[in-house]
Amino acid sequence: MFASDQRFTRIWKVLFATVTVFFLVATNIQADEIVTFGDSITKGTPYLEDREGRGRINIGGYQPELADLLKNSARPSKLYNWGIAGENTISGYLRIDNVLAQHSQADYVLILEGTNDWPLDLPVSETIDNLEIMINRSRSVGIEPILATMTPATDGGAEKMQAINSQYNPKIRALAKRRGVLLAEMYNALAGSWESLTVDGSHPNRSGYRIMADVWHKALSTPVVQTTQASVDGTNARLNGIIRPNSNTMLRYFFQYGQTANYGLRTDTFLLEIDAKEASVSVDISDLLPETTYVVRLVAVTEQNEYIEGNNITFGTSTSSSDGGGGCFISTISP
């Protein structure tokens, strides 16, 4: 064999080995598991004719489009369709445990419910309570919920559309903020062009579902920032929170705190250096006023300088502490 042929053979072997390793690594990427939960809009009417999604993967209205978006952003995902036509939030919270039990490794559950509460004359407060039950039950099994505002609906006339816009959705937004849950803003994304985005006044057409996929994708690409209960020792406190980076490669974070929701004080800013889907963060503060109630929230800052604000929690100080204070800030991170 000529020397040039031998060199060619060696080069080919190296290239073949490199491609093989790349293929094995790429195909070993574990797909995110995402549960999609709701009524006929989640199910995908009219494009999925069955009454129920029955957990089928990447099938429905927005699910195929969202799966493509996630794949193209290097987040291959399995989206399980658990929509049921005609479901209201009472039926929703009664069945969510059973659905989540079938997906113990799921990363997220996308919750879009409420449009079928209006014909039943359920109080808006009951709809919100039912959605909060779904949030609690999701988090209790380690699955992070993402909540959506209700989509427009003109099938019930101006009265239903008005109720969705001015009664239901403001309270859904407030619930998401209070619980530190990511919000998918469906209504605002669809309302301006709803007539051209719906097949029947209630369900989106293909273009409408495509927009819904974009909204879910944006939410899934936003860091989850949750303030959790502080640990208090006299006039010292450890502020705690949870951050899910959600494909953001660099995040900074800090806590705001004060005697009112205007805060007025903040900790130093720290860099979140963690290669995990979720990280617990803590910052110690000291020399607080005794016998005082404080409001605190965790804030994350993206590489694009976007501020993602967590929920508020409160804690109270007492008159004495075990270590006498100190005044320094200490940041700890655990995956």
C-alpha atoms as a PDB file:
ATOM      1  CA  MET A   1       0.000   0.000   0.000  1.00  0.00           C
ATOM      2  CA  PHE A   2       1.300   3.470  -0.870  1.00  0.00           C
ATOM      3  CA  ALA A   3       2.098   5.920   1.924  1.00  0.00           C
ATOM      4  CA  SER A   4      -0.614   8.265   0.708  1.00  0.00           C
ATOM      5  CA  ASP A   5      -3.126   5.440   0.886  1.00  0.00           C
ATOM      6  CA  GLN A   6      -2.035   4.618   4.435  1.00  0.00           C
ATOM      7  CA  ARG A   7      -2.449   8.240   5.485  1.00  0.00           C
ATOM      8  CA  PHE A   8      -5.904   8.318   3.899  1.00  0.00           C
ATOM      9  CA  THR A   9      -6.858   5.148   5.758  1.00  0.00           C
ATOM     10  CA  ARG A  10      -5.706   6.609   9.098  1.00  0.00           C
ATOM     11  CA  ILE A  11      -7.592   9.854   8.475  1.00  0.00           C
ATOM     12  CA  TRP A  12     -10.717   7.944   7.554  1.00  0.00           C
ATOM     13  CA  LYS A  13     -10.516   5.849  10.712  1.00  0.00           C
ATOM     14  CA  VAL A  14     -10.157   8.971  12.855  1.00  0.00           C
ATOM     15  CA  LEU A  15     -13.098  10.654  11.151  1.00  0.00           C
ATOM     16  CA  PHE A  16     -15.218   7.537  11.469  1.00  0.00           C
ATOM     17  CA  ALA A  17     -14.413   7.236  15.168  1.00  0.00           C
ATOM     18  CA  THR A  18     -15.202  10.923  15.760  1.00  0.00           C
ATOM     19  CA  VAL A  19     -18.532  10.720  13.971  1.00  0.00           C
ATOM     20  CA  THR A  20     -19.394   7.536  15.850  1.00  0.00           C
ATOM     21  CA  VAL A  21     -18.653   9.109  19.241  1.00  0.00           C
ATOM     22  CA  PHE A  22     -20.640  12.220  18.315  1.00  0.00           C
ATOM     23  CA  PHE A  23     -23.579  10.072  17.223  1.00  0.00           C
ATOM     24  CA  LEU A  24     -23.516   8.059  20.443  1.00  0.00           C
ATOM     25  CA  VAL A  25     -23.345  11.203  22.585  1.00  0.00           C
ATOM     26  CA  ALA A  26     -26.062  12.979  20.612  1.00  0.00           C
ATOM     27  CA  THR A  27     -28.411  10.020  20.698  1.00  0.00           C
ATOM     28  CA  ASN A  28     -27.839   9.603  24.440  1.00  0.00           C
ATOM     29  CA  ILE A  29     -29.338  13.012  25.256  1.00  0.00           C
ATOM     30  CA  GLN A  30     -32.217  12.385  27.611  1.00  0.00           C
ATOM     31  CA  ALA A  31     -35.454  13.981  26.462  1.00  0.00           C
ATOM     32  CA  ASP A  32     -37.391  16.213  28.831  1.00  0.00           C
ATOM     33  CA  GLU A  33     -40.763  14.803  29.841  1.00  0.00           C
ATOM     34  CA  ILE A  34     -43.536  17.395  29.743  1.00  0.00           C
ATOM     35  CA  VAL A  35     -47.146  16.703  30.719  1.00  0.00           C
ATOM     36  CA  THR A  36     -49.716  18.864  28.898  1.00  0.00           C
ATOM     37  CA  PHE A  37     -52.866  19.111  30.995  1.00  0.00           C
ATOM     38  CA  GLY A  38     -56.206  20.756  30.346  1.00  0.00           C
ATOM     39  CA  ASP A  39     -59.418  20.695  28.341  1.00  0.00           C
ATOM     40  CA  SER A  40     -60.180  20.422  24.614  1.00  0.00           C
ATOM     41  CA  ILE A  41     -57.696  23.176  23.748  1.00  0.00           C
ATOM     42  CA  THR A  42     -54.906  21.105  25.284  1.00  0.00           C
ATOM     43  CA  LYS A  43     -56.361  17.999  23.631  1.00  0.00           C
ATOM     44  CA  GLY A  44     -56.129  19.755  20.257  1.00  0.00           C
ATOM     45  CA  THR A  45     -59.694  20.138  18.963  1.00  0.00           C
ATOM     46  CA  PRO A  46     -60.440  19.928  16.037  1.00  0.00           C
ATOM     47  CA  TYR A  47     -57.181  18.334  14.884  1.00  0.00           C
ATOM     48  CA  LEU A  48     -57.349  15.419  17.311  1.00  0.00           C
ATOM     49  CA  GLU A  49     -60.824  13.978  16.933  1.00  0.00           C
ATOM     50  CA  ASP A  50     -60.876  11.772  20.033  1.00  0.00           C
ATOM     51  CA  ARG A  51     -62.382  13.252  23.180  1.00  0.00           C
ATOM     52  CA  GLU A  52     -59.181  12.595  25.150  1.00  0.00           C
ATOM     53  CA  GLY A  53     -55.476  12.882  24.479  1.00  0.00           C
ATOM     54  CA  ARG A  54     -54.822   9.740  26.566  1.00  0.00           C
ATOM     55  CA  GLY A  55     -51.167  10.589  27.100  1.00  0.00           C
ATOM     56  CA  ARG A  56     -50.120  10.292  23.480  1.00  0.00           C
ATOM     57  CA  ILE A  57     -46.715  11.776  22.688  1.00  0.00           C
ATOM     58  CA  ASN A  58     -46.217  14.946  20.610  1.00  0.00           C
ATOM     59  CA  ILE A  59     -49.749  14.716  19.208  1.00  0.00           C
ATOM     60  CA  GLY A  60     -52.505  17.326  19.460  1.00  0.00           C
ATOM     61  CA  GLY A  61     -52.865  21.010  18.697  1.00  0.00           C
ATOM     62  CA  TYR A  62     -49.794  22.874  19.945  1.00  0.00           C
ATOM     63  CA  GLN A  63     -47.789  19.798  21.029  1.00  0.00           C
ATOM     64  CA  PRO A  64     -46.201  18.902  17.640  1.00  0.00           C
ATOM     65  CA  GLU A  65     -45.142  22.514  17.049  1.00  0.00           C
ATOM     66  CA  LEU A  66     -43.768  22.854  20.576  1.00  0.00           C
ATOM     67  CA  ALA A  67     -41.842  19.584  20.252  1.00  0.00           C
ATOM     68  CA  ASP A  68     -40.173  20.939  17.110  1.00  0.00           C
ATOM     69  CA  LEU A  69     -39.284  24.227  18.792  1.00  0.00           C
ATOM     70  CA  LEU A  70     -37.715  22.440  21.740  1.00  0.00           C
ATOM     71  CA  LYS A  71     -35.817  20.053  19.477  1.00  0.00           C
ATOM     72  CA  ASN A  72     -34.451  22.964  17.444  1.00  0.00           C
ATOM     73  CA  SER A  73     -33.237  24.634  20.646  1.00  0.00           C
ATOM     74  CA  ALA A  74     -31.358  21.465  21.689  1.00  0.00           C
ATOM     75  CA  ARG A  75     -34.015  20.379  24.182  1.00  0.00           C
ATOM     76  CA  PRO A  76     -35.573  17.224  22.740  1.00  0.00           C
ATOM     77  CA  SER A  77     -38.796  16.569  24.624  1.00  0.00           C
ATOM     78  CA  LYS A  78     -41.672  14.165  24.947  1.00  0.00           C
ATOM     79  CA  LEU A  79     -44.954  16.025  25.381  1.00  0.00           C
ATOM     80  CA  TYR A  80     -47.719  13.848  26.787  1.00  0.00           C
ATOM     81  CA  ASN A  81     -51.221  14.947  25.780  1.00  0.00           C
ATOM     82  CA  TRP A  82     -53.602  14.673  28.741  1.00  0.00           C
ATOM     83  CA  GLY A  83     -56.294  17.032  27.487  1.00  0.00           C
ATOM     84  CA  ILE A  84     -59.964  16.093  27.884  1.00  0.00           C
ATOM     85  CA  ALA A  85     -62.714  17.893  25.976  1.00  0.00           C
ATOM     86  CA  GLY A  86     -65.219  19.699  28.180  1.00  0.00           C
ATOM     87  CA  GLU A  87     -63.153  19.522  31.361  1.00  0.00           C
ATOM     88  CA  ASN A  88     -63.563  22.173  34.058  1.00  0.00           C
ATOM     89  CA  THR A  89     -61.129  22.928  36.863  1.00  0.00           C
ATOM     90  CA  ILE A  90     -63.021  20.748  39.367  1.00  0.00           C
ATOM     91  CA  SER A  91     -62.553  17.688  37.162  1.00  0.00           C
ATOM     92  CA  GLY A  92     -59.008  18.848  36.522  1.00  0.00           C
ATOM     93  CA  TYR A  93     -57.827  18.864  40.115  1.00  0.00           C
ATOM     94  CA  LEU A  94     -59.631  15.570  40.761  1.00  0.00           C
ATOM     95  CA  ARG A  95     -57.649  13.746  38.055  1.00  0.00           C
ATOM     96  CA  ILE A  96     -54.264  15.476  38.082  1.00  0.00           C
ATOM     97  CA  ASP A  97     -52.803  13.163  40.735  1.00  0.00           C
ATOM     98  CA  ASN A  98     -53.489  10.100  38.601  1.00  0.00           C
ATOM     99  CA  VAL A  99     -51.937  11.714  35.528  1.00  0.00           C
ATOM    100  CA  LEU A 100     -48.789  12.847  37.335  1.00  0.00           C
ATOM    101  CA  ALA A 101     -48.382   9.422  38.935  1.00  0.00           C
ATOM    102  CA  GLN A 102     -47.884   8.029  35.428  1.00  0.00           C
ATOM    103  CA  HIS A 103     -45.027  10.473  34.790  1.00  0.00           C
ATOM    104  CA  SER A 104     -42.911  10.435  37.932  1.00  0.00           C
ATOM    105  CA  GLN A 105     -39.854  11.582  35.951  1.00  0.00           C
ATOM    106  CA  ALA A 106     -41.617  14.505  34.270  1.00  0.00           C
ATOM    107  CA  ASP A 107     -39.933  17.886  34.391  1.00  0.00           C
ATOM    108  CA  TYR A 108     -42.981  20.106  33.827  1.00  0.00           C
ATOM    109  CA  VAL A 109     -46.750  20.084  33.640  1.00  0.00           C
ATOM    110  CA  LEU A 110     -48.334  22.738  31.394  1.00  0.00           C
ATOM    111  CA  ILE A 111     -51.718  23.704  32.855  1.00  0.00           C
ATOM    112  CA  LEU A 112     -54.377  25.433  30.756  1.00  0.00           C
ATOM    113  CA  GLU A 113     -57.800  25.228  32.392  1.00  0.00           C
ATOM    114  CA  GLY A 114     -60.819  27.397  33.162  1.00  0.00           C
ATOM    115  CA  THR A 115     -62.764  28.178  29.999  1.00  0.00           C
ATOM    116  CA  ASN A 116     -65.373  25.527  30.854  1.00  0.00           C
ATOM    117  CA  ASP A 117     -65.921  26.974  34.340  1.00  0.00           C
ATOM    118  CA  TRP A 118     -67.717  30.011  32.949  1.00  0.00           C
ATOM    119  CA  PRO A 119     -70.817  28.159  31.608  1.00  0.00           C
ATOM    120  CA  LEU A 120     -71.164  26.446  35.012  1.00  0.00           C
ATOM    121  CA  ASP A 121     -71.276  29.812  36.813  1.00  0.00           C
ATOM    122  CA  LEU A 122     -68.437  28.739  39.072  1.00  0.00           C
ATOM    123  CA  PRO A 123     -67.125  31.698  41.073  1.00  0.00           C
ATOM    124  CA  VAL A 124     -63.830  32.967  39.724  1.00  0.00           C
ATOM    125  CA  SER A 125     -62.356  32.468  43.200  1.00  0.00           C
ATOM    126  CA  GLU A 126     -63.174  28.753  42.991  1.00  0.00           C
ATOM    127  CA  THR A 127     -61.430  28.473  39.620  1.00  0.00           C
ATOM    128  CA  ILE A 128     -58.328  30.062  41.124  1.00  0.00           C
ATOM    129  CA  ASP A 129     -58.489  27.781  44.178  1.00  0.00           C
ATOM    130  CA  ASN A 130     -58.707  24.743  41.894  1.00  0.00           C
ATOM    131  CA  LEU A 131     -55.720  25.909  39.858  1.00  0.00           C
ATOM    132  CA  GLU A 132     -53.752  26.407  43.059  1.00  0.00           C
ATOM    133  CA  ILE A 133     -54.572  22.846  44.110  1.00  0.00           C
ATOM    134  CA  MET A 134     -53.082  21.685  40.793  1.00  0.00           C
ATOM    135  CA  ILE A 135     -49.947  23.744  41.472  1.00  0.00           C
ATOM    136  CA  ASN A 136     -49.603  22.249  44.954  1.00  0.00           C
ATOM    137  CA  ARG A 137     -50.113  18.681  43.784  1.00  0.00           C
ATOM    138  CA  SER A 138     -47.617  19.099  40.960  1.00  0.00           C
ATOM    139  CA  ARG A 139     -44.900  20.476  43.205  1.00  0.00           C
ATOM    140  CA  SER A 140     -45.591  17.872  45.883  1.00  0.00           C
ATOM    141  CA  VAL A 141     -44.345  15.186  43.464  1.00  0.00           C
ATOM    142  CA  GLY A 142     -41.423  17.235  42.141  1.00  0.00           C
ATOM    143  CA  ILE A 143     -42.978  18.336  38.839  1.00  0.00           C
ATOM    144  CA  GLU A 144     -42.836  22.067  38.116  1.00  0.00           C
ATOM    145  CA  PRO A 145     -46.127  23.572  36.903  1.00  0.00           C
ATOM    146  CA  ILE A 146     -46.373  26.274  34.261  1.00  0.00           C
ATOM    147  CA  LEU A 147     -49.691  28.112  34.279  1.00  0.00           C
ATOM    148  CA  ALA A 148     -51.366  29.693  31.251  1.00  0.00           C
ATOM    149  CA  THR A 149     -53.864  32.491  31.019  1.00  0.00           C
ATOM    150  CA  MET A 150     -57.133  31.442  29.406  1.00  0.00           C
ATOM    151  CA  THR A 151     -57.323  31.802  25.629  1.00  0.00           C
ATOM    152  CA  PRO A 152     -59.912  34.128  24.056  1.00  0.00           C
ATOM    153  CA  ALA A 153     -63.405  32.748  23.481  1.00  0.00           C
ATOM    154  CA  THR A 154     -66.104  34.368  21.381  1.00  0.00           C
ATOM    155  CA  ASP A 155     -68.443  31.350  21.280  1.00  0.00           C
ATOM    156  CA  GLY A 156     -70.205  32.680  24.370  1.00  0.00           C
ATOM    157  CA  GLY A 157     -70.562  36.213  23.071  1.00  0.00           C
ATOM    158  CA  ALA A 158     -69.080  39.392  24.469  1.00  0.00           C
ATOM    159  CA  GLU A 159     -69.963  38.429  28.042  1.00  0.00           C
ATOM    160  CA  LYS A 160     -67.666  35.390  28.101  1.00  0.00           C
ATOM    161  CA  MET A 161     -64.814  37.242  26.426  1.00  0.00           C
ATOM    162  CA  GLN A 162     -65.176  40.063  28.939  1.00  0.00           C
ATOM    163  CA  ALA A 163     -65.185  37.639  31.869  1.00  0.00           C
ATOM    164  CA  ILE A 164     -62.026  35.910  30.643  1.00  0.00           C
ATOM    165  CA  ASN A 165     -60.207  39.193  30.089  1.00  0.00           C
ATOM    166  CA  SER A 166     -61.257  41.164  33.151  1.00  0.00           C
ATOM    167  CA  GLN A 167     -62.096  38.528  35.788  1.00  0.00           C
ATOM    168  CA  TYR A 168     -60.324  35.206  35.221  1.00  0.00           C
ATOM    169  CA  ASN A 169     -56.991  36.145  33.677  1.00  0.00           C
ATOM    170  CA  PRO A 170     -56.014  38.945  36.091  1.00  0.00           C
ATOM    171  CA  LYS A 171     -56.439  36.477  38.958  1.00  0.00           C
ATOM    172  CA  ILE A 172     -54.530  33.753  37.102  1.00  0.00           C
ATOM    173  CA  ARG A 173     -51.641  36.185  36.622  1.00  0.00           C
ATOM    174  CA  ALA A 174     -51.765  37.121  40.309  1.00  0.00           C
ATOM    175  CA  LEU A 175     -51.788  33.447  41.313  1.00  0.00           C
ATOM    176  CA  ALA A 176     -48.713  32.717  39.196  1.00  0.00           C
ATOM    177  CA  LYS A 177     -46.851  35.672  40.704  1.00  0.00           C
ATOM    178  CA  ARG A 178     -47.844  34.797  44.267  1.00  0.00           C
ATOM    179  CA  ARG A 179     -46.737  31.177  43.896  1.00  0.00           C
ATOM    180  CA  GLY A 180     -43.580  31.837  41.858  1.00  0.00           C
ATOM    181  CA  VAL A 181     -44.925  29.869  38.893  1.00  0.00           C
ATOM    182  CA  LEU A 182     -43.959  30.591  35.287  1.00  0.00           C
ATOM    183  CA  LEU A 183     -46.811  32.113  33.289  1.00  0.00           C
ATOM    184  CA  ALA A 184     -47.587  31.422  29.635  1.00  0.00           C
ATOM    185  CA  GLU A 185     -49.433  34.553  28.451  1.00  0.00           C
ATOM    186  CA  MET A 186     -51.829  32.948  25.956  1.00  0.00           C
ATOM    187  CA  TYR A 187     -54.570  35.560  25.985  1.00  0.00           C
ATOM    188  CA  ASN A 188     -52.414  38.537  25.043  1.00  0.00           C
ATOM    189  CA  ALA A 189     -50.689  36.549  22.303  1.00  0.00           C
ATOM    190  CA  LEU A 190     -53.973  35.560  20.638  1.00  0.00           C
ATOM    191  CA  ALA A 191     -56.608  38.177  21.439  1.00  0.00           C
ATOM    192  CA  GLY A 192     -55.593  40.843  18.920  1.00  0.00           C
ATOM    193  CA  SER A 193     -56.111  38.544  15.920  1.00  0.00           C
ATOM    194  CA  TRP A 194     -58.473  35.967  17.404  1.00  0.00           C
ATOM    195  CA  GLU A 195     -60.957  35.976  14.531  1.00  0.00           C
ATOM    196  CA  SER A 196     -58.248  34.790  12.144  1.00  0.00           C
ATOM    197  CA  LEU A 197     -56.769  32.331  14.665  1.00  0.00           C
ATOM    198  CA  THR A 198     -59.851  30.319  15.627  1.00  0.00           C
ATOM    199  CA  VAL A 199     -61.966  27.681  13.906  1.00  0.00           C
ATOM    200  CA  ASP A 200     -65.119  28.114  16.001  1.00  0.00           C
ATOM    201  CA  GLY A 201     -64.630  30.988  18.442  1.00  0.00           C
ATOM    202  CA  SER A 202     -63.369  28.632  21.134  1.00  0.00           C
ATOM    203  CA  HIS A 203     -60.573  26.516  19.626  1.00  0.00           C
ATOM    204  CA  PRO A 204     -57.492  27.760  17.759  1.00  0.00           C
ATOM    205  CA  ASN A 205     -56.771  26.876  14.166  1.00  0.00           C
ATOM    206  CA  ARG A 206     -53.339  25.708  13.032  1.00  0.00           C
ATOM    207  CA  SER A 207     -51.969  29.247  13.143  1.00  0.00           C
ATOM    208  CA  GLY A 208     -53.420  29.750  16.609  1.00  0.00           C
ATOM    209  CA  TYR A 209     -51.905  26.558  17.936  1.00  0.00           C
ATOM    210  CA  ARG A 210     -48.573  27.578  16.409  1.00  0.00           C
ATOM    211  CA  ILE A 211     -48.686  30.805  18.410  1.00  0.00           C
ATOM    212  CA  MET A 212     -49.576  28.839  21.538  1.00  0.00           C
ATOM    213  CA  ALA A 213     -46.501  26.662  20.961  1.00  0.00           C
ATOM    214  CA  ASP A 214     -44.361  29.804  20.754  1.00  0.00           C
ATOM    215  CA  VAL A 215     -45.785  31.070  24.052  1.00  0.00           C
ATOM    216  CA  TRP A 216     -45.201  27.761  25.834  1.00  0.00           C
ATOM    217  CA  HIS A 217     -41.669  27.631  24.393  1.00  0.00           C
ATOM    218  CA  LYS A 218     -40.891  31.101  25.719  1.00  0.00           C
ATOM    219  CA  ALA A 219     -42.133  30.100  29.174  1.00  0.00           C
ATOM    220  CA  LEU A 220     -40.087  26.898  29.091  1.00  0.00           C
ATOM    221  CA  SER A 221     -37.006  28.983  28.236  1.00  0.00           C
ATOM    222  CA  THR A 222     -37.502  31.350  31.188  1.00  0.00           C
ATOM    223  CA  PRO A 223     -35.770  30.613  34.510  1.00  0.00           C
ATOM    224  CA  VAL A 224     -38.026  29.410  37.309  1.00  0.00           C
ATOM    225  CA  VAL A 225     -37.387  31.601  40.353  1.00  0.00           C
ATOM    226  CA  GLN A 226     -39.070  30.554  43.583  1.00  0.00           C
ATOM    227  CA  THR A 227     -38.548  32.157  46.990  1.00  0.00           C
ATOM    228  CA  THR A 228     -38.836  29.580  49.760  1.00  0.00           C
ATOM    229  CA  GLN A 229     -39.193  29.949  53.510  1.00  0.00           C
ATOM    230  CA  ALA A 230     -36.390  31.784  55.313  1.00  0.00           C
ATOM    231  CA  SER A 231     -34.550  30.356  58.319  1.00  0.00           C
ATOM    232  CA  VAL A 232     -34.469  32.880  61.175  1.00  0.00           C
ATOM    233  CA  ASP A 233     -32.256  33.077  64.244  1.00  0.00           C
ATOM    234  CA  GLY A 234     -33.058  36.181  66.278  1.00  0.00           C
ATOM    235  CA  THR A 235     -32.052  39.136  64.120  1.00  0.00           C
ATOM    236  CA  ASN A 236     -30.204  36.988  61.569  1.00  0.00           C
ATOM    237  CA  ALA A 237     -31.794  35.140  58.660  1.00  0.00           C
ATOM    238  CA  ARG A 238     -30.886  32.792  55.861  1.00  0.00           C
ATOM    239  CA  LEU A 239     -32.845  33.675  52.726  1.00  0.00           C
ATOM    240  CA  ASN A 240     -33.615  30.667  50.556  1.00  0.00           C
ATOM    241  CA  GLY A 241     -34.830  30.005  47.047  1.00  0.00           C
ATOM    242  CA  ILE A 242     -34.856  27.650  44.089  1.00  0.00           C
ATOM    243  CA  ILE A 243     -33.750  28.445  40.530  1.00  0.00           C
ATOM    244  CA  ARG A 244     -34.255  26.324  37.414  1.00  0.00           C
ATOM    245  CA  PRO A 245     -31.998  27.827  34.732  1.00  0.00           C
ATOM    246  CA  ASN A 246     -34.029  26.366  31.818  1.00  0.00           C
ATOM    247  CA  SER A 247     -31.251  26.428  29.205  1.00  0.00           C
ATOM    248  CA  ASN A 248     -29.918  29.795  30.365  1.00  0.00           C
ATOM    249  CA  THR A 249     -26.157  29.334  30.468  1.00  0.00           C
ATOM    250  CA  MET A 250     -25.342  32.148  32.906  1.00  0.00           C
ATOM    251  CA  LEU A 251     -27.539  33.585  35.623  1.00  0.00           C
ATOM    252  CA  ARG A 252     -26.930  35.970  38.485  1.00  0.00           C
ATOM    253  CA  TYR A 253     -29.194  36.281  41.495  1.00  0.00           C
ATOM    254  CA  PHE A 254     -29.858  38.355  44.592  1.00  0.00           C
ATOM    255  CA  PHE A 255     -32.544  38.770  47.247  1.00  0.00           C
ATOM    256  CA  GLN A 256     -34.581  41.894  47.902  1.00  0.00           C
ATOM    257  CA  TYR A 257     -35.951  42.411  51.396  1.00  0.00           C
ATOM    258  CA  GLY A 258     -37.515  45.050  53.623  1.00  0.00           C
ATOM    259  CA  GLN A 259     -40.428  45.818  55.889  1.00  0.00           C
ATOM    260  CA  THR A 260     -42.833  46.340  52.960  1.00  0.00           C
ATOM    261  CA  ALA A 261     -43.227  44.992  49.423  1.00  0.00           C
ATOM    262  CA  ASN A 262     -41.186  48.010  48.294  1.00  0.00           C
ATOM    263  CA  TYR A 263     -38.203  46.201  49.915  1.00  0.00           C
ATOM    264  CA  GLY A 264     -35.523  48.914  50.078  1.00  0.00           C
ATOM    265  CA  LEU A 265     -32.677  46.498  50.833  1.00  0.00           C
ATOM    266  CA  ARG A 266     -30.913  43.856  48.761  1.00  0.00           C
ATOM    267  CA  THR A 267     -28.107  41.388  49.123  1.00  0.00           C
ATOM    268  CA  ASP A 268     -25.003  41.241  46.994  1.00  0.00           C
ATOM    269  CA  THR A 269     -25.382  39.708  43.530  1.00  0.00           C
ATOM    270  CA  PHE A 270     -23.997  36.214  43.004  1.00  0.00           C
ATOM    271  CA  LEU A 271     -23.250  34.116  39.951  1.00  0.00           C
ATOM    272  CA  LEU A 272     -25.184  30.871  39.615  1.00  0.00           C
ATOM    273  CA  GLU A 273     -22.568  28.335  38.569  1.00  0.00           C
ATOM    274  CA  ILE A 274     -24.380  25.031  38.435  1.00  0.00           C
ATOM    275  CA  ASP A 275     -24.808  22.371  35.798  1.00  0.00           C
ATOM    276  CA  ALA A 276     -28.149  20.982  36.934  1.00  0.00           C
ATOM    277  CA  LYS A 277     -31.820  21.379  36.145  1.00  0.00           C
ATOM    278  CA  GLU A 278     -32.468  22.931  39.547  1.00  0.00           C
ATOM    279  CA  ALA A 279     -30.373  24.654  42.211  1.00  0.00           C
ATOM    280  CA  SER A 280     -31.160  25.709  45.769  1.00  0.00           C
ATOM    281  CA  VAL A 281     -29.589  29.048  46.705  1.00  0.00           C
ATOM    282  CA  SER A 282     -29.173  30.712  50.088  1.00  0.00           C
ATOM    283  CA  VAL A 283     -27.839  34.043  51.319  1.00  0.00           C
ATOM    284  CA  ASP A 284     -27.249  34.912  54.995  1.00  0.00           C
ATOM    285  CA  ILE A 285     -28.161  38.367  56.279  1.00  0.00           C
ATOM    286  CA  SER A 286     -27.741  39.794  59.762  1.00  0.00           C
ATOM    287  CA  ASP A 287     -28.286  42.830  62.004  1.00  0.00           C
ATOM    288  CA  LEU A 288     -32.004  42.976  61.222  1.00  0.00           C
ATOM    289  CA  LEU A 289     -34.412  44.895  63.423  1.00  0.00           C
ATOM    290  CA  PRO A 290     -35.772  42.796  66.295  1.00  0.00           C
ATOM    291  CA  GLU A 291     -39.453  41.867  66.497  1.00  0.00           C
ATOM    292  CA  THR A 292     -39.991  42.935  62.885  1.00  0.00           C
ATOM    293  CA  THR A 293     -41.732  41.348  59.905  1.00  0.00           C
ATOM    294  CA  TYR A 294     -39.767  41.344  56.653  1.00  0.00           C
ATOM    295  CA  VAL A 295     -40.838  40.745  53.063  1.00  0.00           C
ATOM    296  CA  VAL A 296     -38.327  39.000  50.780  1.00  0.00           C
ATOM    297  CA  ARG A 297     -38.095  37.747  47.226  1.00  0.00           C
ATOM    298  CA  LEU A 298     -35.449  36.097  45.070  1.00  0.00           C
ATOM    299  CA  VAL A 299     -34.539  37.745  41.750  1.00  0.00           C
ATOM    300  CA  ALA A 300     -32.570  36.164  38.894  1.00  0.00           C
ATOM    301  CA  VAL A 301     -30.847  38.144  36.139  1.00  0.00           C
ATOM    302  CA  THR A 302     -30.241  36.601  32.720  1.00  0.00           C
ATOM    303  CA  GLU A 303     -27.290  37.172  30.423  1.00  0.00           C
ATOM    304  CA  GLN A 304     -29.525  39.583  28.478  1.00  0.00           C
ATOM    305  CA  ASN A 305     -30.052  41.576  31.708  1.00  0.00           C
ATOM    306  CA  GLU A 306     -33.673  40.448  32.044  1.00  0.00           C
ATOM    307  CA  TYR A 307     -34.881  40.399  35.652  1.00  0.00           C
ATOM    308  CA  ILE A 308     -36.983  37.380  36.652  1.00  0.00           C
ATOM    309  CA  GLU A 309     -38.726  38.093  39.949  1.00  0.00           C
ATOM    310  CA  GLY A 310     -39.746  35.359  42.333  1.00  0.00           C
ATOM    311  CA  ASN A 311     -42.674  35.308  44.714  1.00  0.00           C
ATOM    312  CA  ASN A 312     -42.789  37.174  48.043  1.00  0.00           C
ATOM    313  CA  ILE A 313     -42.528  35.437  51.392  1.00  0.00           C
ATOM    314  CA  THR A 314     -42.506  36.966  54.873  1.00  0.00           C
ATOM    315  CA  PHE A 315     -40.581  36.153  58.033  1.00  0.00           C
ATOM    316  CA  GLY A 316     -40.361  37.647  61.511  1.00  0.00           C
ATOM    317  CA  THR A 317     -37.320  38.349  63.692  1.00  0.00           C
ATOM    318  CA  SER A 318     -37.054  38.041  67.454  1.00  0.00           C
ATOM    319  CA  THR A 319     -35.032  39.854  70.118  1.00  0.00           C
ATOM    320  CA  SER A 320     -31.953  37.642  70.303  1.00  0.00           C
ATOM    321  CA  SER A 321     -29.872  35.263  68.200  1.00  0.00           C
ATOM    322  CA  SER A 322     -27.519  32.403  68.955  1.00  0.00           C
ATOM    323  CA  ASP A 323     -24.412  33.923  67.330  1.00  0.00           C
ATOM    324  CA  GLY A 324     -24.830  37.624  67.870  1.00  0.00           C
ATOM    325  CA  GLY A 325     -24.886  38.672  64.222  1.00  0.00           C
ATOM    326  CA  GLY A 326     -22.054  39.739  62.011  1.00  0.00           C
ATOM    327  CA  GLY A 327     -23.289  41.699  59.028  1.00  0.00           C
ATOM    328  CA  CYS A 328     -21.745  39.682  56.184  1.00  0.00           C
ATOM    329  CA  PHE A 329     -23.418  38.058  53.196  1.00  0.00           C
ATOM    330  CA  ILE A 330     -22.733  34.394  52.497  1.00  0.00           C
ATOM    331  CA  SER A 331     -24.013  32.639  49.406  1.00  0.00           C
ATOM    332  CA  THR A 332     -24.429  28.864  49.220  1.00  0.00           C
ATOM    333  CA  ILE A 333     -25.605  26.734  46.313  1.00  0.00           C
ATOM    334  CA  SER A 334     -26.664  23.115  46.207  1.00  0.00           C
ATOM    335  CA  PRO A 335     -27.911  21.178  43.160  1.00  0.00           C
END
